[in-house]
């Protein structure tokens, strides 16, 4: 028997979900798929936030379609890891943060909490900068004023108090569709070389053999595989199933896997289209000029031949930042509750997180100037990548233990693949840190 939260009384934050409704066992498969759709969508918006835009635009403009395979492989890695997170939540009824608190010594648990909080702040910094740039484009305000305006999104979160997850998911779906429609319309204007797109999807070590493309590749990885999403997914998936028998859990895992894979493939299409757009519009063979997100919207109009292109860019960027606001807020509440057993209203959590992100964002744009957004965004995504192993290790380790997962423990090949991803990502981060200190 499956149970879902009611949309009438279930509140915004997952830890406070109370109302549930039963789903008849005899429902057809397609109806069950629709009822389990939603958590994956909430997760996917974190994979298409303004940080993704910055890394993809810089990568596409500087290296053409060469780094497209990094977007594809990062998205496939994200699917593997998010499926682990989803499995943990369904099987154990506890999220990753709670497991870390219960399974590790306090010092280790608090350290993992600190890294998780850093990842949320880095992600929120990207949302602040992206929305500020969108406000500058759409409203003509200066970048510092745009940064200040992003503080108002706390009112949006406050307005969602008392709303159910189905309503939140519907809002997020609308924002994601806005991003997708805007970007795909821009591709119609730009007309990419689709043969080159296919060639760029083929993995190539030579494409990331030097420092600059590898730095961007790690940024793309950090922008794609969000550390806090691993905590979030294990929590929000619990709004879909509460039955404790193994058969129901197995079916729930299968249905939630469909939701996860479809949602993250949508995110892959959007992220890939951003890089393709930048490569088609701005890359010139033999020209090493690096184009930041700050410049992209200015050049889209003459390249596309219509003023609508720049407007669509701004709308998509704003929708991207606002959709990520929802998931960042929920993730922050899940992490604080799980690690510290501390529950606060989501709007208060939003004020804390946004306040911590506003300070470095404002300092950055005031000291580095109006064209600093791109560099700050890419840096924030590299920071996310550096935090990723600290979320991956407990997730892989705990879901591979039969004493925790029972008969629904990871298959051996899933565990092997996950540890391989952990080794690759950790090695790339170590290389980047070594390069930074040796230069």
Protein backbone atom coordinates (compact mmCIF):
# COMPACT_ATOMS: atom_id res chain seq x y z
CA UNK A 1 0.00 0.00 0.00
CA UNK A 2 1.36 3.41 -1.01
CA UNK A 3 0.54 6.65 0.74
CA UNK A 4 0.91 10.19 -0.51
CA UNK A 5 0.72 13.54 1.27
CA UNK A 6 -2.50 15.46 0.92
CA UNK A 7 -2.16 18.80 -0.80
CA UNK A 8 -4.57 20.46 1.60
CA UNK A 9 -2.65 20.21 4.86
CA UNK A 10 0.89 19.07 4.12
CA UNK A 11 3.28 21.96 4.80
CA UNK A 12 6.23 23.20 2.80
CA UNK A 13 9.04 21.48 4.70
CA UNK A 14 9.28 17.67 4.45
CA UNK A 15 10.01 17.04 8.12
CA UNK A 16 6.59 18.46 9.00
CA UNK A 17 4.52 16.37 6.57
CA UNK A 18 1.51 14.93 8.36
CA UNK A 19 -1.42 14.16 6.06
CA UNK A 20 -1.36 11.09 3.82
CA UNK A 21 -3.79 9.37 1.46
CA UNK A 22 -3.89 5.77 0.33
CA UNK A 23 -3.25 4.67 -3.25
CA UNK A 24 -5.28 1.58 -4.24
CA UNK A 25 -3.12 -1.45 -4.96
CA UNK A 26 -5.09 -2.09 -8.14
CA UNK A 27 -4.21 1.24 -9.74
CA UNK A 28 -2.77 0.90 -13.27
CA UNK A 29 1.00 1.31 -13.67
CA UNK A 30 0.80 4.69 -15.41
CA UNK A 31 -1.27 6.13 -12.56
CA UNK A 32 1.27 4.93 -9.99
CA UNK A 33 4.06 6.52 -12.03
CA UNK A 34 2.23 9.85 -12.01
CA UNK A 35 1.62 9.65 -8.27
CA UNK A 36 5.30 9.05 -7.62
CA UNK A 37 6.39 11.82 -9.99
CA UNK A 38 7.59 14.97 -8.26
CA UNK A 39 10.54 14.40 -5.89
CA UNK A 40 12.86 13.89 -8.86
CA UNK A 41 11.67 17.17 -10.34
CA UNK A 42 12.50 19.00 -7.10
CA UNK A 43 15.96 17.48 -7.22
CA UNK A 44 16.48 18.24 -10.91
CA UNK A 45 16.12 22.02 -10.51
CA UNK A 46 19.32 22.01 -8.49
CA UNK A 47 21.00 20.64 -11.60
CA UNK A 48 20.02 23.62 -13.76
CA UNK A 49 20.69 26.57 -11.45
CA UNK A 50 22.64 29.72 -12.48
CA UNK A 51 25.92 28.02 -11.59
CA UNK A 52 25.30 25.53 -14.39
CA UNK A 53 24.69 28.44 -16.74
CA UNK A 54 28.01 30.07 -15.90
CA UNK A 55 30.13 26.95 -16.31
CA UNK A 56 28.32 25.87 -19.49
CA UNK A 57 28.50 29.31 -21.12
CA UNK A 58 32.19 29.72 -20.33
CA UNK A 59 32.92 26.16 -21.46
CA UNK A 60 30.94 26.49 -24.69
CA UNK A 61 32.32 29.88 -25.64
CA UNK A 62 35.94 28.94 -24.93
CA UNK A 63 36.07 25.31 -26.05
CA UNK A 64 33.06 24.94 -28.32
CA UNK A 65 31.30 21.58 -28.06
CA UNK A 66 34.37 19.78 -26.63
CA UNK A 67 33.13 19.71 -23.01
CA UNK A 68 29.62 18.52 -23.85
CA UNK A 69 30.59 14.98 -22.86
CA UNK A 70 31.42 16.29 -19.36
CA UNK A 71 27.81 17.49 -19.01
CA UNK A 72 26.52 14.10 -20.18
CA UNK A 73 28.78 12.02 -17.93
CA UNK A 74 28.15 14.28 -14.93
CA UNK A 75 24.41 13.90 -15.42
CA UNK A 76 24.71 10.11 -15.64
CA UNK A 77 26.77 10.12 -12.44
CA UNK A 78 24.09 12.26 -10.82
CA UNK A 79 21.42 9.71 -11.77
CA UNK A 80 23.42 6.92 -10.09
CA UNK A 81 23.96 8.89 -6.89
CA UNK A 82 20.42 10.25 -6.66
CA UNK A 83 19.03 6.74 -7.08
CA UNK A 84 21.15 5.68 -4.09
CA UNK A 85 19.76 8.57 -2.07
CA UNK A 86 16.19 7.75 -3.09
CA UNK A 87 16.70 4.09 -2.18
CA UNK A 88 18.00 5.00 1.27
CA UNK A 89 14.99 7.19 2.05
CA UNK A 90 12.43 4.60 0.94
CA UNK A 91 14.08 1.57 2.55
CA UNK A 92 15.03 3.05 5.92
CA UNK A 93 12.50 5.86 6.33
CA UNK A 94 15.41 8.12 7.31
CA UNK A 95 17.36 10.66 5.30
CA UNK A 96 21.12 10.75 4.81
CA UNK A 97 21.66 13.49 7.42
CA UNK A 98 19.89 11.44 10.12
CA UNK A 99 21.95 8.36 9.22
CA UNK A 100 25.17 10.37 9.45
CA UNK A 101 24.20 11.59 12.91
CA UNK A 102 23.31 8.08 14.08
CA UNK A 103 26.11 6.08 12.43
CA UNK A 104 29.17 8.29 12.92
CA UNK A 105 30.89 9.80 15.99
CA UNK A 106 29.71 13.33 16.87
CA UNK A 107 32.92 14.94 15.62
CA UNK A 108 32.60 13.27 12.21
CA UNK A 109 28.89 14.03 12.00
CA UNK A 110 29.41 17.72 12.81
CA UNK A 111 32.20 17.93 10.22
CA UNK A 112 29.93 16.45 7.55
CA UNK A 113 27.22 18.93 8.59
CA UNK A 114 29.66 21.80 8.17
CA UNK A 115 30.58 20.70 4.64
CA UNK A 116 26.88 20.28 3.77
CA UNK A 117 26.16 23.82 4.94
CA UNK A 118 29.05 25.16 2.86
CA UNK A 119 27.57 23.49 -0.22
CA UNK A 120 24.17 25.09 0.40
CA UNK A 121 25.70 28.54 0.85
CA UNK A 122 27.78 28.10 -2.33
CA UNK A 123 24.65 27.06 -4.22
CA UNK A 124 22.67 29.99 -2.82
CA UNK A 125 25.49 32.34 -3.79
CA UNK A 126 25.03 31.14 -7.38
CA UNK A 127 21.28 31.78 -7.15
CA UNK A 128 21.86 35.31 -5.81
CA UNK A 129 24.31 36.18 -8.57
CA UNK A 130 22.20 34.62 -11.32
CA UNK A 131 18.99 36.35 -10.24
CA UNK A 132 20.84 39.63 -9.78
CA UNK A 133 22.11 39.41 -13.36
CA UNK A 134 18.59 38.58 -14.55
CA UNK A 135 17.20 41.64 -12.72
CA UNK A 136 19.90 43.77 -14.33
CA UNK A 137 18.91 42.53 -17.78
CA UNK A 138 15.13 42.68 -17.36
CA UNK A 139 14.80 45.79 -15.16
CA UNK A 140 17.93 47.78 -16.00
CA UNK A 141 19.12 48.01 -12.38
CA UNK A 142 22.76 47.87 -11.33
CA UNK A 143 24.23 44.58 -10.19
CA UNK A 144 24.45 45.56 -6.47
CA UNK A 145 20.77 46.58 -6.58
CA UNK A 146 19.98 43.24 -8.24
CA UNK A 147 21.79 41.43 -5.43
CA UNK A 148 19.75 43.38 -2.87
CA UNK A 149 16.50 42.50 -4.67
CA UNK A 150 17.22 38.80 -4.29
CA UNK A 151 16.63 39.18 -0.55
CA UNK A 152 12.93 39.56 -1.35
CA UNK A 153 12.59 35.93 -2.42
CA UNK A 154 12.30 35.12 1.29
CA UNK A 155 8.78 36.53 0.97
CA UNK A 156 8.06 33.91 -1.71
CA UNK A 157 9.11 31.12 0.64
CA UNK A 158 7.03 32.66 3.43
CA UNK A 159 4.04 32.78 1.10
CA UNK A 160 4.37 29.04 0.52
CA UNK A 161 3.90 28.26 4.20
CA UNK A 162 1.19 25.65 4.63
CA UNK A 163 1.34 24.53 1.01
CA UNK A 164 1.59 20.85 0.11
CA UNK A 165 4.38 19.21 -1.82
CA UNK A 166 2.14 18.69 -4.83
CA UNK A 167 1.60 22.46 -5.02
CA UNK A 168 5.31 23.17 -4.62
CA UNK A 169 6.09 20.62 -7.31
CA UNK A 170 3.56 22.24 -9.66
CA UNK A 171 5.20 25.65 -9.17
CA UNK A 172 8.66 24.19 -9.77
CA UNK A 173 7.41 22.37 -12.88
CA UNK A 174 6.14 25.68 -14.25
CA UNK A 175 9.53 27.32 -13.66
CA UNK A 176 11.41 24.40 -15.24
CA UNK A 177 9.16 24.50 -18.31
CA UNK A 178 9.80 28.25 -18.54
CA UNK A 179 13.55 27.61 -18.61
CA UNK A 180 13.20 24.83 -21.17
CA UNK A 181 10.93 26.79 -23.52
CA UNK A 182 13.18 29.85 -23.42
CA UNK A 183 16.36 27.88 -24.11
CA UNK A 184 14.93 25.71 -26.86
CA UNK A 185 13.49 28.81 -28.54
CA UNK A 186 16.94 30.39 -28.43
CA UNK A 187 18.40 27.30 -30.12
CA UNK A 188 15.96 27.85 -32.99
CA UNK A 189 17.40 31.33 -33.43
CA UNK A 190 21.06 30.26 -33.17
CA UNK A 191 20.97 27.04 -35.29
CA UNK A 192 23.84 24.91 -33.85
CA UNK A 193 25.97 22.47 -35.86
CA UNK A 194 24.30 19.22 -34.78
CA UNK A 195 27.11 17.06 -36.20
CA UNK A 196 29.56 18.89 -33.97
CA UNK A 197 27.13 18.45 -31.05
CA UNK A 198 27.18 14.68 -31.53
CA UNK A 199 30.98 14.69 -31.77
CA UNK A 200 31.20 16.70 -28.53
CA UNK A 201 29.23 14.03 -26.68
CA UNK A 202 32.01 11.47 -27.23
CA UNK A 203 34.32 11.26 -24.15
CA UNK A 204 37.80 12.66 -24.77
CA UNK A 205 40.66 12.81 -22.26
CA UNK A 206 42.60 15.15 -24.54
CA UNK A 207 39.81 17.74 -24.24
CA UNK A 208 40.51 18.10 -20.50
CA UNK A 209 44.25 17.42 -20.52
CA UNK A 210 45.25 20.98 -19.63
CA UNK A 211 44.45 23.06 -16.57
CA UNK A 212 41.82 25.46 -17.94
CA UNK A 213 39.42 22.92 -19.46
CA UNK A 214 39.84 20.62 -16.44
CA UNK A 215 39.03 23.50 -14.08
CA UNK A 216 35.86 24.14 -16.08
CA UNK A 217 35.07 20.42 -16.23
CA UNK A 218 35.27 20.22 -12.43
CA UNK A 219 33.07 23.30 -12.25
CA UNK A 220 30.54 21.60 -14.53
CA UNK A 221 30.70 18.52 -12.32
CA UNK A 222 30.10 20.58 -9.18
CA UNK A 223 27.24 22.41 -10.88
CA UNK A 224 25.67 19.13 -11.95
CA UNK A 225 26.07 16.78 -8.98
CA UNK A 226 24.90 18.93 -6.07
CA UNK A 227 26.10 17.63 -2.65
CA UNK A 228 23.04 18.84 -0.72
CA UNK A 229 20.72 17.17 -3.23
CA UNK A 230 21.97 13.81 -1.95
CA UNK A 231 20.64 14.75 1.49
CA UNK A 232 17.45 16.28 0.10
CA UNK A 233 16.34 13.39 -2.10
CA UNK A 234 16.51 10.85 0.72
CA UNK A 235 14.06 13.06 2.60
CA UNK A 236 11.53 14.26 0.03
CA UNK A 237 11.03 10.78 -1.42
CA UNK A 238 9.50 9.84 1.93
CA UNK A 239 6.50 12.01 1.06
CA UNK A 240 5.55 9.22 -1.34
CA UNK A 241 5.72 5.99 0.64
CA UNK A 242 5.32 4.96 4.26
CA UNK A 243 4.44 1.29 3.96
CA UNK A 244 6.99 -0.96 5.66
CA UNK A 245 6.58 -4.24 3.77
CA UNK A 246 9.38 -5.20 1.39
CA UNK A 247 7.16 -5.67 -1.67
CA UNK A 248 5.78 -2.14 -1.45
CA UNK A 249 9.26 -0.71 -0.94
CA UNK A 250 10.59 -2.53 -3.99
CA UNK A 251 7.78 -1.17 -6.14
CA UNK A 252 8.27 2.30 -4.68
CA UNK A 253 11.98 2.16 -5.55
CA UNK A 254 11.14 1.20 -9.13
CA UNK A 255 8.55 3.96 -9.53
CA UNK A 256 10.80 6.56 -7.89
CA UNK A 257 13.67 5.49 -10.15
CA UNK A 258 11.54 6.35 -13.18
CA UNK A 259 10.79 9.75 -11.65
CA UNK A 260 14.50 10.35 -10.94
CA UNK A 261 15.83 9.25 -14.32
CA UNK A 262 13.24 11.17 -16.36
CA UNK A 263 13.69 14.36 -14.28
CA UNK A 264 17.48 14.31 -14.48
CA UNK A 265 17.43 13.56 -18.20
CA UNK A 266 15.32 16.71 -18.57
CA UNK A 267 17.97 18.58 -16.58
CA UNK A 268 20.63 17.08 -18.87
CA UNK A 269 18.79 18.40 -21.95
CA UNK A 270 18.59 21.87 -20.42
CA UNK A 271 22.23 21.95 -19.27
CA UNK A 272 23.41 20.56 -22.58
CA UNK A 273 21.39 23.14 -24.48
CA UNK A 274 23.06 25.96 -22.53
CA UNK A 275 26.53 24.76 -23.55
CA UNK A 276 25.38 24.13 -27.13
CA UNK A 277 23.87 27.62 -27.25
CA UNK A 278 27.12 29.19 -26.05
CA UNK A 279 29.24 27.11 -28.42
CA UNK A 280 27.06 27.92 -31.43
CA UNK A 281 26.69 31.61 -30.67
CA UNK A 282 30.08 32.60 -29.27
CA UNK A 283 32.82 30.07 -30.00
CA UNK A 284 35.26 30.95 -32.77
CA UNK A 285 37.99 28.43 -33.65
CA UNK A 286 41.44 29.79 -32.87
CA UNK A 287 40.01 32.46 -30.55
CA UNK A 288 40.79 31.79 -26.88
CA UNK A 289 38.52 34.56 -25.61
CA UNK A 290 36.62 33.51 -22.51
CA UNK A 291 33.01 34.66 -22.52
CA UNK A 292 31.37 34.96 -19.11
CA UNK A 293 27.67 34.85 -18.39
CA UNK A 294 27.90 38.64 -17.85
CA UNK A 295 28.58 39.17 -21.56
CA UNK A 296 26.43 36.44 -23.04
CA UNK A 297 23.09 38.21 -22.96
CA UNK A 298 24.63 41.34 -24.49
CA UNK A 299 25.85 39.39 -27.51
CA UNK A 300 22.82 37.16 -28.03
CA UNK A 301 20.75 39.88 -29.68
CA UNK A 302 23.14 40.64 -32.57
CA UNK A 303 24.00 36.94 -33.01
CA UNK A 304 20.40 35.74 -33.02
CA UNK A 305 19.13 38.75 -34.96
CA UNK A 306 16.30 39.50 -32.53
CA UNK A 307 15.92 41.38 -29.25
CA UNK A 308 13.73 38.53 -28.02
CA UNK A 309 16.82 36.33 -27.52
CA UNK A 310 18.25 38.50 -24.73
CA UNK A 311 14.84 38.76 -23.03
CA UNK A 312 14.37 35.00 -23.17
CA UNK A 313 17.84 34.60 -21.68
CA UNK A 314 16.94 36.84 -18.76
CA UNK A 315 13.60 35.14 -18.12
CA UNK A 316 15.15 31.68 -18.19
CA UNK A 317 17.95 32.75 -15.86
CA UNK A 318 15.47 34.26 -13.39
CA UNK A 319 13.23 31.17 -13.48
CA UNK A 320 16.29 28.98 -12.96
CA UNK A 321 17.39 30.90 -9.88
CA UNK A 322 13.93 31.01 -8.33
CA UNK A 323 13.27 27.30 -8.82
CA UNK A 324 16.59 26.51 -7.13
CA UNK A 325 15.55 28.71 -4.22
CA UNK A 326 12.82 26.25 -3.27
CA UNK A 327 15.05 23.18 -3.24
CA UNK A 328 17.90 24.99 -1.47
CA UNK A 329 15.54 26.05 1.31
CA UNK A 330 14.13 22.55 1.79
CA UNK A 331 17.62 21.01 1.67
CA UNK A 332 18.85 23.41 4.34
CA UNK A 333 15.98 22.50 6.63
CA UNK A 334 16.51 18.77 6.05
CA UNK A 335 20.24 19.02 6.81
CA UNK A 336 19.78 21.11 9.94
CA UNK A 337 17.03 18.86 11.25
CA UNK A 338 18.89 15.64 10.42
CA UNK A 339 22.32 16.55 11.75
CA UNK A 340 21.36 18.75 14.69
CA UNK A 341 17.77 17.74 15.51
CA UNK A 342 16.99 21.42 15.12
CA UNK A 343 13.70 22.37 13.50
CA UNK A 344 12.99 25.94 12.46
CA UNK A 345 10.40 27.32 10.02
CA UNK A 346 11.53 27.25 6.42
CA UNK A 347 11.27 31.02 6.03
CA UNK A 348 13.67 31.49 8.96
CA UNK A 349 16.06 28.99 7.40
CA UNK A 350 15.76 30.94 4.15
CA UNK A 351 16.67 34.21 5.90
CA UNK A 352 19.80 32.61 7.40
CA UNK A 353 20.99 31.00 4.16
CA UNK A 354 20.23 33.99 1.97
CA UNK A 355 21.90 36.34 4.45
CA UNK A 356 25.09 34.27 4.40
CA UNK A 357 25.07 34.24 0.59
CA UNK A 358 24.26 37.94 0.18
CA UNK A 359 27.38 39.08 2.03
CA UNK A 360 30.01 37.48 -0.26
CA UNK A 361 27.87 38.23 -3.32
CA UNK A 362 27.66 41.92 -2.49
CA UNK A 363 31.35 42.12 -1.57
CA UNK A 364 32.26 40.36 -4.80
CA UNK A 365 30.28 42.61 -7.15
CA UNK A 366 31.31 45.79 -5.31
CA UNK A 367 35.04 44.99 -5.27
CA UNK A 368 35.38 43.12 -8.57
CA UNK A 369 32.91 45.17 -10.59
CA UNK A 370 29.85 44.61 -12.76
CA UNK A 371 31.54 41.90 -14.82
CA UNK A 372 32.49 39.65 -11.91
CA UNK A 373 29.39 37.44 -11.94
CA UNK A 374 30.78 34.80 -14.29
CA UNK A 375 34.02 34.26 -12.37
CA UNK A 376 32.19 34.15 -9.02
CA UNK A 377 29.63 31.68 -10.34
CA UNK A 378 32.26 29.29 -11.71
CA UNK A 379 34.19 29.52 -8.42
CA UNK A 380 31.04 28.65 -6.45
CA UNK A 381 30.57 25.52 -8.55
CA UNK A 382 34.16 24.42 -8.01
CA UNK A 383 33.54 24.81 -4.26
CA UNK A 384 30.50 22.54 -4.65
CA UNK A 385 32.61 19.92 -6.38
CA UNK A 386 35.14 20.01 -3.53
CA UNK A 387 32.32 19.28 -1.04
CA UNK A 388 30.86 16.43 -3.07
CA UNK A 389 33.02 13.52 -1.80
CA UNK A 390 32.00 14.33 1.78
CA UNK A 391 28.38 13.59 0.88
CA UNK A 392 29.15 10.71 -1.47
CA UNK A 393 31.20 8.66 1.00
CA UNK A 394 28.52 8.18 3.68
CA UNK A 395 25.81 7.68 1.05
CA UNK A 396 27.69 4.90 -0.76
CA UNK A 397 29.01 3.31 2.41
CA UNK A 398 25.68 3.20 4.26
CA UNK A 399 23.56 2.01 1.34
CA UNK A 400 26.05 -0.82 0.79
CA UNK A 401 25.55 -2.22 4.33
CA UNK A 402 22.98 -4.99 4.78
CA UNK A 403 22.49 -4.17 8.47
CA UNK A 404 21.04 -0.81 7.38
CA UNK A 405 19.37 -1.66 4.08
CA UNK A 406 18.36 -5.29 4.70
CA UNK A 407 17.46 -7.23 1.56
CA UNK A 408 17.26 -3.97 -0.40
CA UNK A 409 20.98 -3.29 -0.07
CA UNK A 410 22.82 -2.07 -3.18
CA UNK A 411 23.71 -4.62 -5.83
CA UNK A 412 27.45 -5.28 -6.00
CA UNK A 413 27.78 -3.61 -9.40
CA UNK A 414 25.98 -0.50 -8.13
CA UNK A 415 28.39 -0.29 -5.21
CA UNK A 416 31.39 -0.81 -7.50
CA UNK A 417 30.21 1.87 -9.93
CA UNK A 418 29.53 4.31 -7.08
CA UNK A 419 32.98 3.86 -5.56
CA UNK A 420 34.51 4.32 -9.02
CA UNK A 421 32.68 7.67 -9.32
CA UNK A 422 33.89 8.59 -5.84
CA UNK A 423 37.50 7.84 -6.82
CA UNK A 424 37.29 9.82 -10.08
CA UNK A 425 35.67 12.89 -8.49
CA UNK A 426 38.01 12.87 -5.49
CA UNK A 427 41.07 12.51 -7.73
CA UNK A 428 39.96 15.41 -9.91
CA UNK A 429 39.47 17.59 -6.84
CA UNK A 430 42.86 16.65 -5.41
CA UNK A 431 44.49 17.50 -8.74
CA UNK A 432 42.76 20.87 -8.80
CA UNK A 433 43.85 21.73 -5.24
CA UNK A 434 47.41 20.64 -6.02
CA UNK A 435 47.44 22.83 -9.15
CA UNK A 436 46.12 25.80 -7.17
CA UNK A 437 48.88 25.57 -4.51
CA UNK A 438 51.68 24.72 -6.94
CA UNK A 439 51.03 27.63 -9.29
